[in-house]
Every structure is written in C-alpha cells, then in structure tokens.
Amino acid sequence: MPSRSELASQIAANGSSKGQTSSAVVGQLDQDETSEQGKHYFLSATMTQCSTSIPHPELHALADHADPESTQASIAACFRQILQLIGEEPDREGLQKTPGRYAEAMLSLTRGYSQTPEEVVNNAIFHVDTDELVIVRDIDISSLCEHHILPFIGKAHIGYIPRGKVLGLSKLARIAKIYARRLQVQERLTSDISSAIQEAVEPEGVIVMLECWHTCMAMRGVQKPGSVTVTTSTTGLFKEDKTKRQEFYTLLGLKR
C-alpha cells in the first residue's frame, strides 16, 4: 500500500492540470505526514481531487441525469480512497467488495431525492365527511444526519384534522420515508413531513412528532447512548389551538 506521501504525490500529479492541488500542499504532507495537521491536509487534498473532478456547478445536473451504474461506480471509487486514507487496505478479502456495497447502500439511503410526495400519494385522496383527528403512530423512521452522515433512528407520530378529504393511511408513512431518505437534521425532517401532508390534503391542521436517537451522539462526540431527541411541527389548528395539541398528546399517552 502506498504511503500517504506517495498517494499525495499521485493526487497532485492528477490534479495539477486542473489546478486542484498545489505543490505546497504536497510539501506540507511530506513534512507532517504523521501529524494531525498532515492528515488533515492529506484528506482535504485527496477528497478535493475526488469531488472536484467535475465542475461544481454541473454536479446537480449530473445527479439528475447520470446513469445509475456510473453514479454507483463513482461513489465506490471515492469510498475506496477513503479506506486508504484511514489506513485500510481495500484489496484485502473483507474489503474487496465494500466500496461497491457502500455505494449501493448510499444510493438506497438517499433515494428520496428522486421522489416526490405527489408520486407516492398517487391520487390516494378520498372525500370523507369528517373533521375528527386522525393519527398514525409509531411509524418506524431512520435517516442520515447531514452533519456526520451517521444514522438517526426512531418513531414518527402523525396527526391531522381533515377538511373533507383524507389521505390513504399508508401514504402518511410513505411521505415520511421520502424525506427520511435524504440527508437530514431531525428538525427539518419533522417540518418537511408536516408541510407535505398539509399541501397534499389541505387539512385544518397537521401535527408531526419525531422521537429519535442519534448515533452521532452515541458513537462520537459526547458519546451518550440512549439519549432521545423529540421534535414537533404543527400547522393550522394545531399551531393555533393548545387543546388540539393536547388531544394529540393524550391519544399518544403523553403528558404535556
């Protein structure tokens, strides 16, 4: 396996024609190869080479139109570099297929970018003369924290008060899954779900509660496994009327 300095030189050679990696960076790598600063420069230089081989303004257009197999192969190639950066040997038996598996998993875990609520609702909206609270609780939900690309996992509870139209019950869970299959923070995910339901059936109000534990808190940083983060998002009557919120919490068995 090449040393960090050798790999850095390869990166510099590959990137010099594009003006991506300077000799000064490589010199810093050679000098500080084992220091934390050297590792930082090395990681930055390598990932710059990996991520900027395509001009930044074109990345979104590429993602929209790229062949899935080509996209998966590109992700796998970048992840192979990451394995080298952390000191692993990508060609050893246990890791030979890992870059490809990682790429496949990442595309699956972010497939919400290619989906819309309109597609999953698929006209499953029905006219029903009711204005009573509807709740679907304990929906399993998992997503990737956009700060560390680590999972957060938990339950979603969704309630809404119809205004002459109801949504197929499974569609509530499907809407939640669309937004969970994107890089997220829990606060935005909660709001995304409530906004999509509000737009889909125009109810009197929507309330969404997420209860999740974050592996970025359990495995790194503060390292506090078992901590649960609770977020809510409300629209309409649930935002305006405390008694409506209390009815939702009571039906969930919560004291508020």
C-alpha atoms as a PDB file:
ATOM      1  CA  MET A   1       0.000   0.000   0.000  1.00  0.00           C
ATOM      2  CA  PRO A   2       1.428   3.462  -0.927  1.00  0.00           C
ATOM      3  CA  SER A   3       2.389   5.800   1.890  1.00  0.00           C
ATOM      4  CA  ARG A   4       0.448   8.990   2.486  1.00  0.00           C
ATOM      5  CA  SER A   5       3.229  10.948   0.796  1.00  0.00           C
ATOM      6  CA  GLU A   6       3.179   8.714  -2.277  1.00  0.00           C
ATOM      7  CA  LEU A   7      -0.577   8.946  -2.549  1.00  0.00           C
ATOM      8  CA  ALA A   8      -0.421  12.701  -2.088  1.00  0.00           C
ATOM      9  CA  SER A   9       2.064  12.933  -4.948  1.00  0.00           C
ATOM     10  CA  GLN A  10      -0.292  10.930  -7.140  1.00  0.00           C
ATOM     11  CA  ILE A  11      -3.128  13.258  -6.208  1.00  0.00           C
ATOM     12  CA  ALA A  12      -1.003  16.283  -7.023  1.00  0.00           C
ATOM     13  CA  ALA A  13       0.006  14.816 -10.387  1.00  0.00           C
ATOM     14  CA  ASN A  14      -3.606  14.025 -11.267  1.00  0.00           C
ATOM     15  CA  GLY A  15      -4.899  17.362 -10.109  1.00  0.00           C
ATOM     16  CA  SER A  16      -2.170  19.727 -11.293  1.00  0.00           C
ATOM     17  CA  SER A  17      -3.574  20.034 -14.785  1.00  0.00           C
ATOM     18  CA  LYS A  18      -6.847  21.190 -13.237  1.00  0.00           C
ATOM     19  CA  GLY A  19      -5.183  23.484 -10.704  1.00  0.00           C
ATOM     20  CA  GLN A  20      -6.638  21.460  -7.841  1.00  0.00           C
ATOM     21  CA  THR A  21      -3.662  20.522  -5.648  1.00  0.00           C
ATOM     22  CA  SER A  22      -0.577  22.652  -5.202  1.00  0.00           C
ATOM     23  CA  SER A  23       2.997  21.543  -4.561  1.00  0.00           C
ATOM     24  CA  ALA A  24       2.845  23.492  -1.303  1.00  0.00           C
ATOM     25  CA  VAL A  25       0.155  21.120  -0.030  1.00  0.00           C
ATOM     26  CA  VAL A  26       2.221  18.084  -1.023  1.00  0.00           C
ATOM     27  CA  GLY A  27       5.240  19.584   0.719  1.00  0.00           C
ATOM     28  CA  GLN A  28       3.173  20.040   3.863  1.00  0.00           C
ATOM     29  CA  LEU A  29       2.089  16.413   3.574  1.00  0.00           C
ATOM     30  CA  ASP A  30       5.673  15.206   3.229  1.00  0.00           C
ATOM     31  CA  GLN A  31       6.742  17.235   6.232  1.00  0.00           C
ATOM     32  CA  ASP A  32       3.814  16.416   8.521  1.00  0.00           C
ATOM     33  CA  GLU A  33       2.771  13.019   7.286  1.00  0.00           C
ATOM     34  CA  THR A  34       2.152  11.582  10.749  1.00  0.00           C
ATOM     35  CA  SER A  35       0.816  14.714  12.412  1.00  0.00           C
ATOM     36  CA  GLU A  36      -2.854  15.575  12.749  1.00  0.00           C
ATOM     37  CA  GLN A  37      -2.274  18.632  10.555  1.00  0.00           C
ATOM     38  CA  GLY A  38      -0.653  16.474   7.907  1.00  0.00           C
ATOM     39  CA  LYS A  39      -3.548  14.038   7.971  1.00  0.00           C
ATOM     40  CA  HIS A  40      -5.946  16.955   7.621  1.00  0.00           C
ATOM     41  CA  TYR A  41      -4.110  18.307   4.560  1.00  0.00           C
ATOM     42  CA  PHE A  42      -3.939  14.821   3.077  1.00  0.00           C
ATOM     43  CA  LEU A  43      -7.647  14.188   3.498  1.00  0.00           C
ATOM     44  CA  SER A  44      -8.552  17.602   2.116  1.00  0.00           C
ATOM     45  CA  ALA A  45      -6.299  17.208  -0.910  1.00  0.00           C
ATOM     46  CA  THR A  46      -7.495  13.712  -1.708  1.00  0.00           C
ATOM     47  CA  MET A  47     -11.172  14.466  -1.389  1.00  0.00           C
ATOM     48  CA  THR A  48     -10.733  17.673  -3.371  1.00  0.00           C
ATOM     49  CA  GLN A  49      -9.312  15.576  -6.194  1.00  0.00           C
ATOM     50  CA  CYS A  50     -12.183  13.103  -5.886  1.00  0.00           C
ATOM     51  CA  SER A  51     -15.003  15.615  -5.607  1.00  0.00           C
ATOM     52  CA  THR A  52     -13.856  18.332  -7.999  1.00  0.00           C
ATOM     53  CA  SER A  53     -13.015  16.203 -10.990  1.00  0.00           C
ATOM     54  CA  ILE A  54     -16.396  17.523 -12.192  1.00  0.00           C
ATOM     55  CA  PRO A  55     -17.008  21.313 -12.069  1.00  0.00           C
ATOM     56  CA  HIS A  56     -19.186  22.149  -9.069  1.00  0.00           C
ATOM     57  CA  PRO A  57     -21.993  23.978 -10.983  1.00  0.00           C
ATOM     58  CA  GLU A  58     -22.540  20.824 -13.043  1.00  0.00           C
ATOM     59  CA  LEU A  59     -22.890  18.403 -10.117  1.00  0.00           C
ATOM     60  CA  HIS A  60     -26.659  18.756  -9.652  1.00  0.00           C
ATOM     61  CA  ALA A  61     -27.330  18.379 -13.362  1.00  0.00           C
ATOM     62  CA  LEU A  62     -25.136  15.284 -13.376  1.00  0.00           C
ATOM     63  CA  ALA A  63     -27.009  13.768 -10.444  1.00  0.00           C
ATOM     64  CA  ASP A  64     -30.328  14.317 -12.222  1.00  0.00           C
ATOM     65  CA  HIS A  65     -29.278  12.669 -15.474  1.00  0.00           C
ATOM     66  CA  ALA A  66     -26.395  10.312 -14.676  1.00  0.00           C
ATOM     67  CA  ASP A  67     -26.605   6.627 -15.437  1.00  0.00           C
ATOM     68  CA  PRO A  68     -27.200   4.823 -12.083  1.00  0.00           C
ATOM     69  CA  GLU A  69     -24.387   2.335 -12.709  1.00  0.00           C
ATOM     70  CA  SER A  70     -21.958   5.155 -13.482  1.00  0.00           C
ATOM     71  CA  THR A  71     -23.007   7.044 -10.365  1.00  0.00           C
ATOM     72  CA  GLN A  72     -22.561   3.948  -8.205  1.00  0.00           C
ATOM     73  CA  ALA A  73     -19.126   3.270  -9.693  1.00  0.00           C
ATOM     74  CA  SER A  74     -18.020   6.867  -9.000  1.00  0.00           C
ATOM     75  CA  ILE A  75     -19.156   6.687  -5.365  1.00  0.00           C
ATOM     76  CA  ALA A  76     -17.386   3.345  -4.937  1.00  0.00           C
ATOM     77  CA  ALA A  77     -14.143   4.786  -6.331  1.00  0.00           C
ATOM     78  CA  CYS A  78     -14.250   7.700  -3.892  1.00  0.00           C
ATOM     79  CA  PHE A  79     -15.004   5.417  -0.969  1.00  0.00           C
ATOM     80  CA  ARG A  80     -12.072   3.213  -1.904  1.00  0.00           C
ATOM     81  CA  GLN A  81      -9.875   6.301  -1.476  1.00  0.00           C
ATOM     82  CA  ILE A  82     -11.405   6.909   1.948  1.00  0.00           C
ATOM     83  CA  LEU A  83     -10.497   3.379   3.010  1.00  0.00           C
ATOM     84  CA  GLN A  84      -6.895   4.070   2.015  1.00  0.00           C
ATOM     85  CA  LEU A  85      -6.915   7.376   3.886  1.00  0.00           C
ATOM     86  CA  ILE A  86      -7.894   5.777   7.181  1.00  0.00           C
ATOM     87  CA  GLY A  87      -5.073   3.251   6.849  1.00  0.00           C
ATOM     88  CA  GLU A  88      -7.001   0.282   5.447  1.00  0.00           C
ATOM     89  CA  GLU A  89      -6.109  -1.974   2.519  1.00  0.00           C
ATOM     90  CA  PRO A  90      -9.077  -2.008   0.138  1.00  0.00           C
ATOM     91  CA  ASP A  91      -7.773  -5.122  -1.615  1.00  0.00           C
ATOM     92  CA  ARG A  92      -7.841  -7.376   1.431  1.00  0.00           C
ATOM     93  CA  GLU A  93     -10.506 -10.074   1.414  1.00  0.00           C
ATOM     94  CA  GLY A  94     -13.008  -8.441   3.737  1.00  0.00           C
ATOM     95  CA  LEU A  95     -12.951  -5.085   1.934  1.00  0.00           C
ATOM     96  CA  GLN A  96     -12.744  -6.005  -1.739  1.00  0.00           C
ATOM     97  CA  LYS A  97     -16.481  -5.546  -2.305  1.00  0.00           C
ATOM     98  CA  THR A  98     -17.032  -2.933   0.400  1.00  0.00           C
ATOM     99  CA  PRO A  99     -16.783   0.177  -1.852  1.00  0.00           C
ATOM    100  CA  GLY A 100     -19.468  -1.235  -4.132  1.00  0.00           C
ATOM    101  CA  ARG A 101     -21.674  -2.199  -1.198  1.00  0.00           C
ATOM    102  CA  TYR A 102     -21.221   1.245   0.333  1.00  0.00           C
ATOM    103  CA  ALA A 103     -22.169   2.950  -2.935  1.00  0.00           C
ATOM    104  CA  GLU A 104     -25.279   0.786  -3.316  1.00  0.00           C
ATOM    105  CA  ALA A 105     -26.299   1.474   0.284  1.00  0.00           C
ATOM    106  CA  MET A 106     -25.734   5.228  -0.020  1.00  0.00           C
ATOM    107  CA  LEU A 107     -27.865   5.452  -3.152  1.00  0.00           C
ATOM    108  CA  SER A 108     -30.626   3.497  -1.409  1.00  0.00           C
ATOM    109  CA  LEU A 109     -30.452   5.621   1.739  1.00  0.00           C
ATOM    110  CA  THR A 110     -30.715   8.846  -0.301  1.00  0.00           C
ATOM    111  CA  ARG A 111     -33.251   7.765  -2.915  1.00  0.00           C
ATOM    112  CA  GLY A 112     -35.708  10.330  -1.537  1.00  0.00           C
ATOM    113  CA  TYR A 113     -34.006  12.958  -3.692  1.00  0.00           C
ATOM    114  CA  SER A 114     -35.566  11.331  -6.759  1.00  0.00           C
ATOM    115  CA  GLN A 115     -39.063  11.010  -5.242  1.00  0.00           C
ATOM    116  CA  THR A 116     -41.876  13.482  -4.619  1.00  0.00           C
ATOM    117  CA  PRO A 117     -44.933  13.353  -2.345  1.00  0.00           C
ATOM    118  CA  GLU A 118     -47.181  13.576  -5.418  1.00  0.00           C
ATOM    119  CA  GLU A 119     -45.718  10.341  -6.750  1.00  0.00           C
ATOM    120  CA  VAL A 120     -46.256   8.339  -3.570  1.00  0.00           C
ATOM    121  CA  VAL A 121     -49.706   9.787  -2.827  1.00  0.00           C
ATOM    122  CA  ASN A 122     -50.728   8.647  -6.333  1.00  0.00           C
ATOM    123  CA  ASN A 123     -54.256  10.068  -6.055  1.00  0.00           C
ATOM    124  CA  ALA A 124     -54.974   8.121  -2.827  1.00  0.00           C
ATOM    125  CA  ILE A 125     -57.046  11.057  -1.560  1.00  0.00           C
ATOM    126  CA  PHE A 126     -60.649  10.336  -0.638  1.00  0.00           C
ATOM    127  CA  HIS A 127     -63.594  12.609   0.086  1.00  0.00           C
ATOM    128  CA  VAL A 128     -64.935  11.792   3.546  1.00  0.00           C
ATOM    129  CA  ASP A 129     -67.259  13.925   5.653  1.00  0.00           C
ATOM    130  CA  THR A 130     -65.216  14.040   8.854  1.00  0.00           C
ATOM    131  CA  ASP A 131     -63.373  16.637  10.848  1.00  0.00           C
ATOM    132  CA  GLU A 132     -62.118  14.373  13.643  1.00  0.00           C
ATOM    133  CA  LEU A 133     -58.460  13.864  14.443  1.00  0.00           C
ATOM    134  CA  VAL A 134     -56.670  11.096  12.521  1.00  0.00           C
ATOM    135  CA  ILE A 135     -53.428   9.709  13.984  1.00  0.00           C
ATOM    136  CA  VAL A 136     -50.946   7.179  12.679  1.00  0.00           C
ATOM    137  CA  ARG A 137     -48.421   6.498  15.414  1.00  0.00           C
ATOM    138  CA  ASP A 138     -45.195   4.552  15.870  1.00  0.00           C
ATOM    139  CA  ILE A 139     -44.052   4.743  12.261  1.00  0.00           C
ATOM    140  CA  ASP A 140     -40.506   3.372  12.116  1.00  0.00           C
ATOM    141  CA  ILE A 141     -38.201   6.012  10.698  1.00  0.00           C
ATOM    142  CA  SER A 142     -34.486   6.222  10.002  1.00  0.00           C
ATOM    143  CA  SER A 143     -32.384   8.803   8.241  1.00  0.00           C
ATOM    144  CA  LEU A 144     -28.814  10.044   7.870  1.00  0.00           C
ATOM    145  CA  CYS A 145     -27.667  13.073   9.834  1.00  0.00           C
ATOM    146  CA  GLU A 146     -26.226  15.516   7.319  1.00  0.00           C
ATOM    147  CA  HIS A 147     -23.507  16.650   9.730  1.00  0.00           C
ATOM    148  CA  HIS A 148     -21.706  13.308  10.104  1.00  0.00           C
ATOM    149  CA  ILE A 149     -23.570  11.001   7.674  1.00  0.00           C
ATOM    150  CA  LEU A 150     -24.455   8.743  10.604  1.00  0.00           C
ATOM    151  CA  PRO A 151     -27.927   7.272  11.179  1.00  0.00           C
ATOM    152  CA  PHE A 152     -30.617   8.518  13.481  1.00  0.00           C
ATOM    153  CA  ILE A 153     -33.447   6.111  14.182  1.00  0.00           C
ATOM    154  CA  GLY A 154     -36.791   6.285  15.910  1.00  0.00           C
ATOM    155  CA  LYS A 155     -40.551   6.698  15.607  1.00  0.00           C
ATOM    156  CA  ALA A 156     -42.799   9.204  13.859  1.00  0.00           C
ATOM    157  CA  HIS A 157     -46.305  10.074  15.045  1.00  0.00           C
ATOM    158  CA  ILE A 158     -48.502  11.922  12.555  1.00  0.00           C
ATOM    159  CA  GLY A 159     -51.898  13.518  13.152  1.00  0.00           C
ATOM    160  CA  TYR A 160     -54.169  15.702  11.070  1.00  0.00           C
ATOM    161  CA  ILE A 161     -57.704  17.073  11.151  1.00  0.00           C
ATOM    162  CA  PRO A 162     -59.369  16.502   7.763  1.00  0.00           C
ATOM    163  CA  ARG A 163     -61.308  19.144   5.899  1.00  0.00           C
ATOM    164  CA  GLY A 164     -63.476  16.882   3.766  1.00  0.00           C
ATOM    165  CA  LYS A 165     -60.525  14.888   2.388  1.00  0.00           C
ATOM    166  CA  VAL A 166     -58.467  12.072   3.878  1.00  0.00           C
ATOM    167  CA  LEU A 167     -55.216  10.501   2.777  1.00  0.00           C
ATOM    168  CA  GLY A 168     -54.673   6.747   2.465  1.00  0.00           C
ATOM    169  CA  LEU A 169     -53.117   5.749   5.780  1.00  0.00           C
ATOM    170  CA  SER A 170     -50.052   4.083   4.244  1.00  0.00           C
ATOM    171  CA  LYS A 171     -49.323   7.302   2.364  1.00  0.00           C
ATOM    172  CA  LEU A 172     -48.512   9.088   5.608  1.00  0.00           C
ATOM    173  CA  ALA A 173     -45.726   6.607   6.249  1.00  0.00           C
ATOM    174  CA  ARG A 174     -44.565   6.817   2.627  1.00  0.00           C
ATOM    175  CA  ILE A 175     -44.370  10.613   2.758  1.00  0.00           C
ATOM    176  CA  ALA A 176     -42.275  10.364   5.912  1.00  0.00           C
ATOM    177  CA  LYS A 177     -39.965   7.883   4.203  1.00  0.00           C
ATOM    178  CA  ILE A 178     -39.358  10.153   1.193  1.00  0.00           C
ATOM    179  CA  TYR A 179     -37.904  12.878   3.380  1.00  0.00           C
ATOM    180  CA  ALA A 180     -36.102  10.433   5.656  1.00  0.00           C
ATOM    181  CA  ARG A 181     -34.257   9.075   2.603  1.00  0.00           C
ATOM    182  CA  ARG A 182     -32.328  12.327   2.247  1.00  0.00           C
ATOM    183  CA  LEU A 183     -29.510  13.840   4.287  1.00  0.00           C
ATOM    184  CA  GLN A 184     -31.357  15.482   7.134  1.00  0.00           C
ATOM    185  CA  VAL A 185     -31.464  17.116  10.514  1.00  0.00           C
ATOM    186  CA  GLN A 186     -34.349  15.907  12.653  1.00  0.00           C
ATOM    187  CA  GLU A 187     -35.869  19.360  12.980  1.00  0.00           C
ATOM    188  CA  ARG A 188     -36.141  19.821   9.210  1.00  0.00           C
ATOM    189  CA  LEU A 189     -37.341  16.272   8.637  1.00  0.00           C
ATOM    190  CA  THR A 190     -40.227  16.886  11.046  1.00  0.00           C
ATOM    191  CA  SER A 191     -41.173  20.082   9.238  1.00  0.00           C
ATOM    192  CA  ASP A 192     -40.827  18.519   5.770  1.00  0.00           C
ATOM    193  CA  ILE A 193     -43.320  15.787   6.673  1.00  0.00           C
ATOM    194  CA  SER A 194     -45.924  18.176   8.100  1.00  0.00           C
ATOM    195  CA  SER A 195     -45.630  20.583   5.167  1.00  0.00           C
ATOM    196  CA  ALA A 196     -46.064  17.787   2.607  1.00  0.00           C
ATOM    197  CA  ILE A 197     -49.212  16.473   4.312  1.00  0.00           C
ATOM    198  CA  GLN A 198     -50.619  19.990   4.606  1.00  0.00           C
ATOM    199  CA  GLU A 199     -50.077  20.538   0.898  1.00  0.00           C
ATOM    200  CA  ALA A 200     -51.452  17.123  -0.106  1.00  0.00           C
ATOM    201  CA  VAL A 201     -54.906  17.279   1.552  1.00  0.00           C
ATOM    202  CA  GLU A 202     -55.213  20.857   2.873  1.00  0.00           C
ATOM    203  CA  PRO A 203     -56.489  19.774   6.311  1.00  0.00           C
ATOM    204  CA  GLU A 204     -57.472  22.005   9.198  1.00  0.00           C
ATOM    205  CA  GLY A 205     -54.092  21.279  10.702  1.00  0.00           C
ATOM    206  CA  VAL A 206     -51.197  18.817  10.873  1.00  0.00           C
ATOM    207  CA  ILE A 207     -49.003  17.765  13.782  1.00  0.00           C
ATOM    208  CA  VAL A 208     -45.901  15.598  13.476  1.00  0.00           C
ATOM    209  CA  MET A 209     -43.730  14.326  16.324  1.00  0.00           C
ATOM    210  CA  LEU A 210     -40.419  12.510  15.889  1.00  0.00           C
ATOM    211  CA  GLU A 211     -38.625  10.674  18.698  1.00  0.00           C
ATOM    212  CA  CYS A 212     -35.158   9.563  17.587  1.00  0.00           C
ATOM    213  CA  TRP A 213     -31.790   8.513  18.943  1.00  0.00           C
ATOM    214  CA  HIS A 214     -28.742   9.702  17.075  1.00  0.00           C
ATOM    215  CA  THR A 215     -25.673   7.538  16.563  1.00  0.00           C
ATOM    216  CA  CYS A 216     -23.579  10.686  16.129  1.00  0.00           C
ATOM    217  CA  MET A 217     -24.261  11.329  19.828  1.00  0.00           C
ATOM    218  CA  ALA A 218     -23.821   7.691  20.853  1.00  0.00           C
ATOM    219  CA  MET A 219     -20.654   6.748  18.930  1.00  0.00           C
ATOM    220  CA  ARG A 220     -18.688  10.001  18.783  1.00  0.00           C
ATOM    221  CA  GLY A 221     -18.527  13.434  20.391  1.00  0.00           C
ATOM    222  CA  VAL A 222     -20.371  13.408  23.696  1.00  0.00           C
ATOM    223  CA  GLN A 223     -20.903   9.600  23.455  1.00  0.00           C
ATOM    224  CA  LYS A 224     -24.227   9.437  25.264  1.00  0.00           C
ATOM    225  CA  PRO A 225     -26.150   6.381  24.020  1.00  0.00           C
ATOM    226  CA  GLY A 226     -29.805   6.245  24.934  1.00  0.00           C
ATOM    227  CA  SER A 227     -30.480   9.972  24.624  1.00  0.00           C
ATOM    228  CA  VAL A 228     -33.693  10.635  22.689  1.00  0.00           C
ATOM    229  CA  THR A 229     -34.390  13.813  20.715  1.00  0.00           C
ATOM    230  CA  VAL A 230     -38.040  14.871  20.386  1.00  0.00           C
ATOM    231  CA  THR A 231     -39.152  17.349  17.715  1.00  0.00           C
ATOM    232  CA  THR A 232     -42.592  18.568  16.663  1.00  0.00           C
ATOM    233  CA  SER A 233     -44.001  20.529  13.758  1.00  0.00           C
ATOM    234  CA  THR A 234     -47.510  21.973  13.586  1.00  0.00           C
ATOM    235  CA  THR A 235     -49.712  23.741  11.072  1.00  0.00           C
ATOM    236  CA  GLY A 236     -53.176  25.293  11.193  1.00  0.00           C
ATOM    237  CA  LEU A 237     -55.323  24.456  14.220  1.00  0.00           C
ATOM    238  CA  PHE A 238     -52.523  22.584  15.948  1.00  0.00           C
ATOM    239  CA  LYS A 239     -50.384  25.700  15.877  1.00  0.00           C
ATOM    240  CA  GLU A 240     -53.229  27.965  16.997  1.00  0.00           C
ATOM    241  CA  ASP A 241     -55.165  25.820  19.492  1.00  0.00           C
ATOM    242  CA  LYS A 242     -53.448  24.330  22.537  1.00  0.00           C
ATOM    243  CA  THR A 243     -56.386  21.980  23.203  1.00  0.00           C
ATOM    244  CA  LYS A 244     -55.930  20.338  19.802  1.00  0.00           C
ATOM    245  CA  ARG A 245     -52.283  19.716  20.552  1.00  0.00           C
ATOM    246  CA  GLN A 246     -53.223  18.332  23.954  1.00  0.00           C
ATOM    247  CA  GLU A 247     -55.716  15.919  22.347  1.00  0.00           C
ATOM    248  CA  PHE A 248     -52.922  14.580  20.128  1.00  0.00           C
ATOM    249  CA  TYR A 249     -50.538  14.136  23.065  1.00  0.00           C
ATOM    250  CA  THR A 250     -53.236  12.494  25.170  1.00  0.00           C
ATOM    251  CA  LEU A 251     -54.068   9.950  22.474  1.00  0.00           C
ATOM    252  CA  LEU A 252     -50.362   9.136  22.256  1.00  0.00           C
ATOM    253  CA  GLY A 253     -50.305   8.585  26.003  1.00  0.00           C
ATOM    254  CA  LEU A 254     -48.068  11.574  26.637  1.00  0.00           C
ATOM    255  CA  LYS A 255     -48.394  14.137  29.415  1.00  0.00           C
ATOM    256  CA  ARG A 256     -47.824  17.690  28.210  1.00  0.00           C
END
